Amino acid sequence: MTNLQITLPDALAREAASAGLLAPPMLERILREQLRKERIDKMKAARAALAAEPLAPMTPDEISAEISAYRTAQRHALGS
């Protein structure tokens, strides 16, 4: 576990505390939800970029070459 110390304006800290937002389970939920939203936003941006400039379809030979390159890299990573 990591401990964090944050600095907030007094009024905001009081309001957040009275709403239960500063309790560790609530902070964890808030952070996880925000991270999930950011991942979704990044995925949407990537999809939009691909839609704007779609990749050319790969030929069967190109697919085979990619598979072979991946397998070779995996063998080297495993030291075989």
PDB file of N, CA and C in Angstrom:
ATOM      1  N   MET A   1       0.833  -1.184   0.000  1.00  0.00           N
ATOM      2  CA  MET A   1       0.000   0.000   0.000  1.00  0.00           C
ATOM      3  C   MET A   1       0.876   1.245   0.000  1.00  0.00           C
ATOM      4  N   THR A   2       0.419   2.251  -0.669  1.00  0.00           N
ATOM      5  CA  THR A   2       1.090   3.538  -0.710  1.00  0.00           C
ATOM      6  C   THR A   2       0.268   4.550   0.067  1.00  0.00           C
ATOM      7  N   ASN A   3       0.920   5.322   0.886  1.00  0.00           N
ATOM      8  CA  ASN A   3       0.258   6.401   1.611  1.00  0.00           C
ATOM      9  C   ASN A   3       0.476   7.699   0.860  1.00  0.00           C
ATOM     10  N   LEU A   4      -0.582   8.489   0.749  1.00  0.00           N
ATOM     11  CA  LEU A   4      -0.499   9.775   0.075  1.00  0.00           C
ATOM     12  C   LEU A   4      -0.875  10.888   1.038  1.00  0.00           C
ATOM     13  N   GLN A   5      -0.252  12.026   0.853  1.00  0.00           N
ATOM     14  CA  GLN A   5      -0.638  13.215   1.594  1.00  0.00           C
ATOM     15  C   GLN A   5      -0.995  14.262   0.559  1.00  0.00           C
ATOM     16  N   ILE A   6      -2.194  14.822   0.680  1.00  0.00           N
ATOM     17  CA  ILE A   6      -2.622  15.837  -0.278  1.00  0.00           C
ATOM     18  C   ILE A   6      -2.936  17.128   0.463  1.00  0.00           C
ATOM     19  N   THR A   7      -2.823  18.210  -0.249  1.00  0.00           N
ATOM     20  CA  THR A   7      -3.143  19.518   0.301  1.00  0.00           C
ATOM     21  C   THR A   7      -4.362  20.048  -0.436  1.00  0.00           C
ATOM     22  N   LEU A   8      -5.393  20.375   0.339  1.00  0.00           N
ATOM     23  CA  LEU A   8      -6.637  20.901  -0.233  1.00  0.00           C
ATOM     24  C   LEU A   8      -7.010  22.181   0.497  1.00  0.00           C
ATOM     25  N   PRO A   9      -7.747  23.034  -0.181  1.00  0.00           N
ATOM     26  CA  PRO A   9      -8.289  24.185   0.544  1.00  0.00           C
ATOM     27  C   PRO A   9      -9.172  23.681   1.693  1.00  0.00           C
ATOM     28  N   ASP A  10      -9.167  24.397   2.819  1.00  0.00           N
ATOM     29  CA  ASP A  10      -9.897  23.949   4.002  1.00  0.00           C
ATOM     30  C   ASP A  10     -11.370  23.682   3.713  1.00  0.00           C
ATOM     31  N   ALA A  11     -12.022  24.583   3.016  1.00  0.00           N
ATOM     32  CA  ALA A  11     -13.453  24.425   2.753  1.00  0.00           C
ATOM     33  C   ALA A  11     -13.716  23.167   1.925  1.00  0.00           C
ATOM     34  N   LEU A  12     -12.890  22.944   0.933  1.00  0.00           N
ATOM     35  CA  LEU A  12     -13.058  21.752   0.102  1.00  0.00           C
ATOM     36  C   LEU A  12     -12.813  20.489   0.912  1.00  0.00           C
ATOM     37  N   ALA A  13     -11.788  20.489   1.744  1.00  0.00           N
ATOM     38  CA  ALA A  13     -11.487  19.322   2.584  1.00  0.00           C
ATOM     39  C   ALA A  13     -12.644  19.019   3.526  1.00  0.00           C
ATOM     40  N   ARG A  14     -13.215  20.060   4.146  1.00  0.00           N
ATOM     41  CA  ARG A  14     -14.345  19.837   5.058  1.00  0.00           C
ATOM     42  C   ARG A  14     -15.547  19.266   4.309  1.00  0.00           C
ATOM     43  N   GLU A  15     -15.849  19.848   3.163  1.00  0.00           N
ATOM     44  CA  GLU A  15     -17.001  19.395   2.379  1.00  0.00           C
ATOM     45  C   GLU A  15     -16.791  17.955   1.890  1.00  0.00           C
ATOM     46  N   ALA A  16     -15.599  17.658   1.390  1.00  0.00           N
ATOM     47  CA  ALA A  16     -15.302  16.305   0.905  1.00  0.00           C
ATOM     48  C   ALA A  16     -15.356  15.302   2.047  1.00  0.00           C
ATOM     49  N   ALA A  17     -14.816  15.683   3.198  1.00  0.00           N
ATOM     50  CA  ALA A  17     -14.832  14.786   4.359  1.00  0.00           C
ATOM     51  C   ALA A  17     -16.256  14.536   4.828  1.00  0.00           C
ATOM     52  N   SER A  18     -17.083  15.589   4.871  1.00  0.00           N
ATOM     53  CA  SER A  18     -18.458  15.402   5.340  1.00  0.00           C
ATOM     54  C   SER A  18     -19.273  14.567   4.350  1.00  0.00           C
ATOM     55  N   ALA A  19     -18.879  14.576   3.097  1.00  0.00           N
ATOM     56  CA  ALA A  19     -19.560  13.753   2.086  1.00  0.00           C
ATOM     57  C   ALA A  19     -18.986  12.339   2.035  1.00  0.00           C
ATOM     58  N   GLY A  20     -17.956  12.062   2.828  1.00  0.00           N
ATOM     59  CA  GLY A  20     -17.357  10.729   2.842  1.00  0.00           C
ATOM     60  C   GLY A  20     -16.396  10.471   1.707  1.00  0.00           C
ATOM     61  N   LEU A  21     -16.031  11.503   0.991  1.00  0.00           N
ATOM     62  CA  LEU A  21     -15.173  11.326  -0.187  1.00  0.00           C
ATOM     63  C   LEU A  21     -13.707  11.106   0.149  1.00  0.00           C
ATOM     64  N   LEU A  22     -13.308  11.397   1.385  1.00  0.00           N
ATOM     65  CA  LEU A  22     -11.895  11.231   1.738  1.00  0.00           C
ATOM     66  C   LEU A  22     -11.605   9.893   2.399  1.00  0.00           C
ATOM     67  N   ALA A  23     -12.608   9.059   2.556  1.00  0.00           N
ATOM     68  CA  ALA A  23     -12.404   7.718   3.107  1.00  0.00           C
ATOM     69  C   ALA A  23     -11.632   6.889   2.077  1.00  0.00           C
ATOM     70  N   PRO A  24     -10.656   6.102   2.513  1.00  0.00           N
ATOM     71  CA  PRO A  24      -9.848   5.328   1.569  1.00  0.00           C
ATOM     72  C   PRO A  24     -10.660   4.520   0.542  1.00  0.00           C
ATOM     73  N   PRO A  25     -11.722   3.812   0.931  1.00  0.00           N
ATOM     74  CA  PRO A  25     -12.465   3.071  -0.097  1.00  0.00           C
ATOM     75  C   PRO A  25     -13.093   3.991  -1.150  1.00  0.00           C
ATOM     76  N   MET A  26     -13.555   5.150  -0.712  1.00  0.00           N
ATOM     77  CA  MET A  26     -14.170   6.084  -1.660  1.00  0.00           C
ATOM     78  C   MET A  26     -13.116   6.693  -2.579  1.00  0.00           C
ATOM     79  N   LEU A  27     -11.971   7.078  -2.020  1.00  0.00           N
ATOM     80  CA  LEU A  27     -10.889   7.604  -2.853  1.00  0.00           C
ATOM     81  C   LEU A  27     -10.438   6.571  -3.882  1.00  0.00           C
ATOM     82  N   GLU A  28     -10.340   5.313  -3.454  1.00  0.00           N
ATOM     83  CA  GLU A  28      -9.956   4.256  -4.391  1.00  0.00           C
ATOM     84  C   GLU A  28     -10.973   4.145  -5.514  1.00  0.00           C
ATOM     85  N   ARG A  29     -12.256   4.185  -5.167  1.00  0.00           N
ATOM     86  CA  ARG A  29     -13.313   4.071  -6.181  1.00  0.00           C
ATOM     87  C   ARG A  29     -13.255   5.247  -7.155  1.00  0.00           C
ATOM     88  N   ILE A  30     -13.074   6.450  -6.613  1.00  0.00           N
ATOM     89  CA  ILE A  30     -12.996   7.641  -7.457  1.00  0.00           C
ATOM     90  C   ILE A  30     -11.805   7.558  -8.409  1.00  0.00           C
ATOM     91  N   LEU A  31     -10.646   7.162  -7.891  1.00  0.00           N
ATOM     92  CA  LEU A  31      -9.448   7.064  -8.732  1.00  0.00           C
ATOM     93  C   LEU A  31      -9.587   5.986  -9.795  1.00  0.00           C
ATOM     94  N   ARG A  32     -10.123   4.827  -9.417  1.00  0.00           N
ATOM     95  CA  ARG A  32     -10.303   3.751 -10.403  1.00  0.00           C
ATOM     96  C   ARG A  32     -11.271   4.180 -11.509  1.00  0.00           C
ATOM     97  N   GLU A  33     -12.349   4.850 -11.135  1.00  0.00           N
ATOM     98  CA  GLU A  33     -13.322   5.316 -12.127  1.00  0.00           C
ATOM     99  C   GLU A  33     -12.694   6.337 -13.069  1.00  0.00           C
ATOM    100  N   GLN A  34     -11.914   7.261 -12.531  1.00  0.00           N
ATOM    101  CA  GLN A  34     -11.260   8.257 -13.381  1.00  0.00           C
ATOM    102  C   GLN A  34     -10.258   7.606 -14.327  1.00  0.00           C
ATOM    103  N   LEU A  35      -9.489   6.651 -13.830  1.00  0.00           N
ATOM    104  CA  LEU A  35      -8.533   5.939 -14.687  1.00  0.00           C
ATOM    105  C   LEU A  35      -9.257   5.178 -15.793  1.00  0.00           C
ATOM    106  N   ARG A  36     -10.396   4.566 -15.453  1.00  0.00           N
ATOM    107  CA  ARG A  36     -11.189   3.853 -16.456  1.00  0.00           C
ATOM    108  C   ARG A  36     -11.673   4.824 -17.532  1.00  0.00           C
ATOM    109  N   LYS A  37     -12.171   5.980 -17.111  1.00  0.00           N
ATOM    110  CA  LYS A  37     -12.639   6.985 -18.075  1.00  0.00           C
ATOM    111  C   LYS A  37     -11.503   7.444 -18.984  1.00  0.00           C
ATOM    112  N   GLU A  38     -10.329   7.643 -18.412  1.00  0.00           N
ATOM    113  CA  GLU A  38      -9.189   8.083 -19.227  1.00  0.00           C
ATOM    114  C   GLU A  38      -8.771   7.016 -20.231  1.00  0.00           C
ATOM    115  N   ARG A  39      -8.797   5.735 -19.820  1.00  0.00           N
ATOM    116  CA  ARG A  39      -8.475   4.656 -20.769  1.00  0.00           C
ATOM    117  C   ARG A  39      -9.492   4.624 -21.905  1.00  0.00           C
ATOM    118  N   ILE A  40     -10.764   4.804 -21.576  1.00  0.00           N
ATOM    119  CA  ILE A  40     -11.808   4.809 -22.604  1.00  0.00           C
ATOM    120  C   ILE A  40     -11.610   5.985 -23.546  1.00  0.00           C
ATOM    121  N   ASP A  41     -11.295   7.165 -23.001  1.00  0.00           N
ATOM    122  CA  ASP A  41     -11.058   8.338 -23.848  1.00  0.00           C
ATOM    123  C   ASP A  41      -9.887   8.113 -24.794  1.00  0.00           C
ATOM    124  N   LYS A  42      -8.809   7.499 -24.297  1.00  0.00           N
ATOM    125  CA  LYS A  42      -7.651   7.207 -25.154  1.00  0.00           C
ATOM    126  C   LYS A  42      -8.023   6.219 -26.250  1.00  0.00           C
ATOM    127  N   MET A  43      -8.825   5.205 -25.898  1.00  0.00           N
ATOM    128  CA  MET A  43      -9.248   4.225 -26.892  1.00  0.00           C
ATOM    129  C   MET A  43     -10.117   4.898 -27.956  1.00  0.00           C
ATOM    130  N   LYS A  44     -11.026   5.778 -27.540  1.00  0.00           N
ATOM    131  CA  LYS A  44     -11.865   6.487 -28.504  1.00  0.00           C
ATOM    132  C   LYS A  44     -11.026   7.353 -29.434  1.00  0.00           C
ATOM    133  N   ALA A  45     -10.008   8.013 -28.879  1.00  0.00           N
ATOM    134  CA  ALA A  45      -9.133   8.845 -29.708  1.00  0.00           C
ATOM    135  C   ALA A  45      -8.368   7.991 -30.717  1.00  0.00           C
ATOM    136  N   ALA A  46      -7.901   6.830 -30.272  1.00  0.00           N
ATOM    137  CA  ALA A  46      -7.178   5.935 -31.181  1.00  0.00           C
ATOM    138  C   ALA A  46      -8.106   5.434 -32.282  1.00  0.00           C
ATOM    139  N   ARG A  47      -9.341   5.081 -31.911  1.00  0.00           N
ATOM    140  CA  ARG A  47     -10.310   4.623 -32.916  1.00  0.00           C
ATOM    141  C   ARG A  47     -10.612   5.723 -33.927  1.00  0.00           C
ATOM    142  N   ALA A  48     -10.752   6.957 -33.445  1.00  0.00           N
ATOM    143  CA  ALA A  48     -11.029   8.076 -34.344  1.00  0.00           C
ATOM    144  C   ALA A  48      -9.852   8.306 -35.290  1.00  0.00           C
ATOM    145  N   ALA A  49      -8.634   8.199 -34.772  1.00  0.00           N
ATOM    146  CA  ALA A  49      -7.450   8.384 -35.609  1.00  0.00           C
ATOM    147  C   ALA A  49      -7.376   7.294 -36.677  1.00  0.00           C
ATOM    148  N   LEU A  50      -7.688   6.063 -36.290  1.00  0.00           N
ATOM    149  CA  LEU A  50      -7.677   4.974 -37.274  1.00  0.00           C
ATOM    150  C   LEU A  50      -8.794   5.148 -38.301  1.00  0.00           C
ATOM    151  N   ALA A  51      -9.930   5.632 -37.863  1.00  0.00           N
ATOM    152  CA  ALA A  51     -11.039   5.848 -38.802  1.00  0.00           C
ATOM    153  C   ALA A  51     -10.691   6.956 -39.792  1.00  0.00           C
ATOM    154  N   ALA A  52      -9.963   7.966 -39.341  1.00  0.00           N
ATOM    155  CA  ALA A  52      -9.581   9.079 -40.210  1.00  0.00           C
ATOM    156  C   ALA A  52      -8.534   8.654 -41.235  1.00  0.00           C
ATOM    157  N   GLU A  53      -7.635   7.761 -40.811  1.00  0.00           N
ATOM    158  CA  GLU A  53      -6.592   7.271 -41.708  1.00  0.00           C
ATOM    159  C   GLU A  53      -6.478   5.760 -41.544  1.00  0.00           C
ATOM    160  N   PRO A  54      -7.394   5.017 -42.153  1.00  0.00           N
ATOM    161  CA  PRO A  54      -7.372   3.561 -41.962  1.00  0.00           C
ATOM    162  C   PRO A  54      -6.095   2.926 -42.515  1.00  0.00           C
ATOM    163  N   LEU A  55      -5.700   1.872 -41.849  1.00  0.00           N
ATOM    164  CA  LEU A  55      -4.527   1.125 -42.301  1.00  0.00           C
ATOM    165  C   LEU A  55      -4.892   0.308 -43.537  1.00  0.00           C
ATOM    166  N   ALA A  56      -3.934   0.157 -44.414  1.00  0.00           N
ATOM    167  CA  ALA A  56      -4.155  -0.671 -45.591  1.00  0.00           C
ATOM    168  C   ALA A  56      -4.254  -2.134 -45.148  1.00  0.00           C
ATOM    169  N   PRO A  57      -5.140  -2.906 -45.788  1.00  0.00           N
ATOM    170  CA  PRO A  57      -5.236  -4.316 -45.415  1.00  0.00           C
ATOM    171  C   PRO A  57      -3.915  -5.034 -45.680  1.00  0.00           C
ATOM    172  N   MET A  58      -3.615  -5.995 -44.824  1.00  0.00           N
ATOM    173  CA  MET A  58      -2.385  -6.775 -44.988  1.00  0.00           C
ATOM    174  C   MET A  58      -2.649  -7.969 -45.899  1.00  0.00           C
ATOM    175  N   THR A  59      -1.636  -8.317 -46.669  1.00  0.00           N
ATOM    176  CA  THR A  59      -1.734  -9.510 -47.509  1.00  0.00           C
ATOM    177  C   THR A  59      -1.451 -10.732 -46.636  1.00  0.00           C
ATOM    178  N   PRO A  60      -1.845 -11.919 -47.092  1.00  0.00           N
ATOM    179  CA  PRO A  60      -1.521 -13.123 -46.327  1.00  0.00           C
ATOM    180  C   PRO A  60      -0.016 -13.272 -46.085  1.00  0.00           C
ATOM    181  N   ASP A  61       0.811 -12.899 -47.063  1.00  0.00           N
ATOM    182  CA  ASP A  61       2.269 -12.985 -46.876  1.00  0.00           C
ATOM    183  C   ASP A  61       2.748 -12.030 -45.789  1.00  0.00           C
ATOM    184  N   GLU A  62       2.172 -10.829 -45.734  1.00  0.00           N
ATOM    185  CA  GLU A  62       2.550  -9.874 -44.698  1.00  0.00           C
ATOM    186  C   GLU A  62       2.131 -10.384 -43.310  1.00  0.00           C
ATOM    187  N   ILE A  63       0.963 -10.991 -43.242  1.00  0.00           N
ATOM    188  CA  ILE A  63       0.492 -11.551 -41.970  1.00  0.00           C
ATOM    189  C   ILE A  63       1.424 -12.667 -41.515  1.00  0.00           C
ATOM    190  N   SER A  64       1.796 -13.542 -42.432  1.00  0.00           N
ATOM    191  CA  SER A  64       2.714 -14.636 -42.092  1.00  0.00           C
ATOM    192  C   SER A  64       4.064 -14.101 -41.627  1.00  0.00           C
ATOM    193  N   ALA A  65       4.543 -13.054 -42.286  1.00  0.00           N
ATOM    194  CA  ALA A  65       5.828 -12.461 -41.900  1.00  0.00           C
ATOM    195  C   ALA A  65       5.735 -11.863 -40.499  1.00  0.00           C
ATOM    196  N   GLU A  66       4.638 -11.226 -40.183  1.00  0.00           N
ATOM    197  CA  GLU A  66       4.451 -10.653 -38.839  1.00  0.00           C
ATOM    198  C   GLU A  66       4.408 -11.752 -37.787  1.00  0.00           C
ATOM    199  N   ILE A  67       3.713 -12.836 -38.077  1.00  0.00           N
ATOM    200  CA  ILE A  67       3.629 -13.959 -37.137  1.00  0.00           C
ATOM    201  C   ILE A  67       5.014 -14.565 -36.925  1.00  0.00           C
ATOM    202  N   SER A  68       5.745 -14.745 -37.994  1.00  0.00           N
ATOM    203  CA  SER A  68       7.099 -15.297 -37.882  1.00  0.00           C
ATOM    204  C   SER A  68       8.009 -14.381 -37.073  1.00  0.00           C
ATOM    205  N   ALA A  69       7.932 -13.091 -37.320  1.00  0.00           N
ATOM    206  CA  ALA A  69       8.754 -12.136 -36.580  1.00  0.00           C
ATOM    207  C   ALA A  69       8.397 -12.165 -35.098  1.00  0.00           C
ATOM    208  N   TYR A  70       7.117 -12.240 -34.778  1.00  0.00           N
ATOM    209  CA  TYR A  70       6.691 -12.305 -33.372  1.00  0.00           C
ATOM    210  C   TYR A  70       7.220 -13.574 -32.709  1.00  0.00           C
ATOM    211  N   ARG A  71       7.075 -14.698 -33.377  1.00  0.00           N
ATOM    212  CA  ARG A  71       7.555 -15.964 -32.811  1.00  0.00           C
ATOM    213  C   ARG A  71       9.063 -15.933 -32.600  1.00  0.00           C
ATOM    214  N   THR A  72       9.804 -15.368 -33.550  1.00  0.00           N
ATOM    215  CA  THR A  72      11.255 -15.255 -33.412  1.00  0.00           C
ATOM    216  C   THR A  72      11.611 -14.383 -32.212  1.00  0.00           C
ATOM    217  N   ALA A  73      10.912 -13.266 -32.067  1.00  0.00           N
ATOM    218  CA  ALA A  73      11.169 -12.373 -30.932  1.00  0.00           C
ATOM    219  C   ALA A  73      10.862 -13.081 -29.606  1.00  0.00           C
ATOM    220  N   GLN A  74       9.801 -13.876 -29.571  1.00  0.00           N
ATOM    221  CA  GLN A  74       9.457 -14.597 -28.347  1.00  0.00           C
ATOM    222  C   GLN A  74      10.514 -15.638 -28.012  1.00  0.00           C
ATOM    223  N   ARG A  75      11.019 -16.341 -29.026  1.00  0.00           N
ATOM    224  CA  ARG A  75      12.067 -17.336 -28.787  1.00  0.00           C
ATOM    225  C   ARG A  75      13.318 -16.663 -28.252  1.00  0.00           C
ATOM    226  N   HIS A  76      13.690 -15.520 -28.808  1.00  0.00           N
ATOM    227  CA  HIS A  76      14.877 -14.798 -28.341  1.00  0.00           C
ATOM    228  C   HIS A  76      14.675 -14.290 -26.919  1.00  0.00           C
ATOM    229  N   ALA A  77      13.470 -13.845 -26.612  1.00  0.00           N
ATOM    230  CA  ALA A  77      13.184 -13.349 -25.260  1.00  0.00           C
ATOM    231  C   ALA A  77      13.277 -14.467 -24.232  1.00  0.00           C
ATOM    232  N   LEU A  78      12.934 -15.689 -24.650  1.00  0.00           N
ATOM    233  CA  LEU A  78      13.003 -16.829 -23.747  1.00  0.00           C
ATOM    234  C   LEU A  78      14.379 -17.471 -23.739  1.00  0.00           C
ATOM    235  N   GLY A  79      15.273 -16.994 -24.593  1.00  0.00           N
ATOM    236  CA  GLY A  79      16.643 -17.490 -24.624  1.00  0.00           C
ATOM    237  C   GLY A  79      16.813 -18.793 -25.362  1.00  0.00           C
ATOM    238  N   SER A  80      15.851 -19.157 -26.217  1.00  0.00           N
ATOM    239  CA  SER A  80      16.025 -20.415 -26.973  1.00  0.00           C
ATOM    240  C   SER A  80      16.457 -20.148 -28.374  1.00  0.00           C
TER     241      SER A  80
END
